């Protein structure tokens, strides 16, 4: 992802683009593959899938709601 300062007053001009960050992000064929917060300070991007090993264990919790009531009783 690159960013460049631009001016569009009397004549259009821009500075050399600067690299903001790089990574392995998904590309989409017919739409943008990112979004920017209104304040311009954060991006939301889809990361390409990474090959991960399958999980080695699964934890199943039974009666978790009762345990939650015990640990954090309602006043």
C-alpha atoms as a PDB file:
ATOM      1  CA  UNK A   1       0.000   0.000   0.000  1.00  0.00           C
ATOM      2  CA  UNK A   2       1.419   3.332  -1.057  1.00  0.00           C
ATOM      3  CA  UNK A   3       0.454   6.930  -0.267  1.00  0.00           C
ATOM      4  CA  UNK A   4       1.291  10.133  -2.119  1.00  0.00           C
ATOM      5  CA  UNK A   5       0.669  13.784  -1.280  1.00  0.00           C
ATOM      6  CA  UNK A   6      -1.355  15.461  -4.039  1.00  0.00           C
ATOM      7  CA  UNK A   7      -2.383  19.002  -4.860  1.00  0.00           C
ATOM      8  CA  UNK A   8      -5.205  19.901  -7.186  1.00  0.00           C
ATOM      9  CA  UNK A   9      -5.487  23.670  -6.924  1.00  0.00           C
ATOM     10  CA  UNK A  10      -4.332  25.516 -10.074  1.00  0.00           C
ATOM     11  CA  UNK A  11      -2.489  22.531 -11.482  1.00  0.00           C
ATOM     12  CA  UNK A  12      -2.447  18.918 -10.482  1.00  0.00           C
ATOM     13  CA  UNK A  13       0.790  17.791  -8.836  1.00  0.00           C
ATOM     14  CA  UNK A  14       1.924  14.971  -6.593  1.00  0.00           C
ATOM     15  CA  UNK A  15       4.945  13.853  -4.636  1.00  0.00           C
ATOM     16  CA  UNK A  16       6.698  10.518  -4.989  1.00  0.00           C
ATOM     17  CA  UNK A  17       4.558   7.718  -3.493  1.00  0.00           C
ATOM     18  CA  UNK A  18       5.814   6.269  -0.220  1.00  0.00           C
ATOM     19  CA  UNK A  19       5.368   2.685   0.926  1.00  0.00           C
ATOM     20  CA  UNK A  20       3.006   2.546   3.928  1.00  0.00           C
ATOM     21  CA  UNK A  21       3.196  -1.210   4.490  1.00  0.00           C
ATOM     22  CA  UNK A  22       3.395  -4.435   2.572  1.00  0.00           C
ATOM     23  CA  UNK A  23       1.886  -7.828   3.073  1.00  0.00           C
ATOM     24  CA  UNK A  24       0.155 -10.731   1.425  1.00  0.00           C
ATOM     25  CA  UNK A  25      -3.343  -9.317   0.927  1.00  0.00           C
ATOM     26  CA  UNK A  26      -6.212 -10.685  -1.136  1.00  0.00           C
ATOM     27  CA  UNK A  27      -6.930  -9.060  -4.458  1.00  0.00           C
ATOM     28  CA  UNK A  28     -10.513  -8.789  -5.622  1.00  0.00           C
ATOM     29  CA  UNK A  29     -11.448  -8.696  -9.275  1.00  0.00           C
ATOM     30  CA  UNK A  30     -14.336  -6.220  -9.301  1.00  0.00           C
ATOM     31  CA  UNK A  31     -14.065  -4.194  -6.096  1.00  0.00           C
ATOM     32  CA  UNK A  32     -11.585  -2.618  -3.728  1.00  0.00           C
ATOM     33  CA  UNK A  33      -9.724  -5.008  -1.464  1.00  0.00           C
ATOM     34  CA  UNK A  34      -9.502  -2.524   1.396  1.00  0.00           C
ATOM     35  CA  UNK A  35     -11.362   0.205   3.246  1.00  0.00           C
ATOM     36  CA  UNK A  36     -10.089   3.242   5.142  1.00  0.00           C
ATOM     37  CA  UNK A  37     -11.485   4.705   8.365  1.00  0.00           C
ATOM     38  CA  UNK A  38     -12.986   8.168   8.012  1.00  0.00           C
ATOM     39  CA  UNK A  39     -10.086   9.689   9.970  1.00  0.00           C
ATOM     40  CA  UNK A  40      -7.642   8.052   7.528  1.00  0.00           C
ATOM     41  CA  UNK A  41      -5.595   6.484  10.313  1.00  0.00           C
ATOM     42  CA  UNK A  42      -6.481   2.794   9.843  1.00  0.00           C
ATOM     43  CA  UNK A  43      -7.073   0.351   7.010  1.00  0.00           C
ATOM     44  CA  UNK A  44      -9.157  -2.786   6.840  1.00  0.00           C
ATOM     45  CA  UNK A  45      -7.745  -5.328   4.415  1.00  0.00           C
ATOM     46  CA  UNK A  46      -8.345  -8.998   3.675  1.00  0.00           C
ATOM     47  CA  UNK A  47      -5.254 -11.070   4.262  1.00  0.00           C
ATOM     48  CA  UNK A  48      -4.555 -14.000   1.974  1.00  0.00           C
ATOM     49  CA  UNK A  49      -5.195 -17.389   3.478  1.00  0.00           C
ATOM     50  CA  UNK A  50      -2.262 -18.882   5.307  1.00  0.00           C
ATOM     51  CA  UNK A  51      -1.731 -22.611   5.413  1.00  0.00           C
ATOM     52  CA  UNK A  52      -2.104 -23.579   9.068  1.00  0.00           C
ATOM     53  CA  UNK A  53      -1.893 -26.986  10.655  1.00  0.00           C
ATOM     54  CA  UNK A  54      -5.182 -28.344  12.000  1.00  0.00           C
ATOM     55  CA  UNK A  55      -5.835 -27.676  15.697  1.00  0.00           C
ATOM     56  CA  UNK A  56      -4.345 -30.310  17.986  1.00  0.00           C
ATOM     57  CA  UNK A  57      -7.054 -30.171  20.622  1.00  0.00           C
ATOM     58  CA  UNK A  58     -10.595 -28.967  21.061  1.00  0.00           C
ATOM     59  CA  UNK A  59     -11.855 -27.686  24.406  1.00  0.00           C
ATOM     60  CA  UNK A  60     -15.551 -28.234  25.130  1.00  0.00           C
ATOM     61  CA  UNK A  61     -17.028 -26.354  28.065  1.00  0.00           C
ATOM     62  CA  UNK A  62     -20.323 -27.585  29.477  1.00  0.00           C
ATOM     63  CA  UNK A  63     -22.574 -25.518  31.750  1.00  0.00           C
ATOM     64  CA  UNK A  64     -20.509 -22.406  31.078  1.00  0.00           C
ATOM     65  CA  UNK A  65     -23.454 -20.140  31.825  1.00  0.00           C
ATOM     66  CA  UNK A  66     -23.719 -21.514  35.381  1.00  0.00           C
ATOM     67  CA  UNK A  67     -19.981 -21.004  35.846  1.00  0.00           C
ATOM     68  CA  UNK A  68     -20.317 -17.430  34.582  1.00  0.00           C
ATOM     69  CA  UNK A  69     -23.125 -16.739  37.078  1.00  0.00           C
ATOM     70  CA  UNK A  70     -20.922 -18.119  39.859  1.00  0.00           C
ATOM     71  CA  UNK A  71     -17.897 -16.026  38.885  1.00  0.00           C
ATOM     72  CA  UNK A  72     -19.780 -12.815  38.090  1.00  0.00           C
ATOM     73  CA  UNK A  73     -23.078 -12.801  39.991  1.00  0.00           C
ATOM     74  CA  UNK A  74     -25.710 -10.257  39.018  1.00  0.00           C
ATOM     75  CA  UNK A  75     -26.301  -7.624  41.677  1.00  0.00           C
END
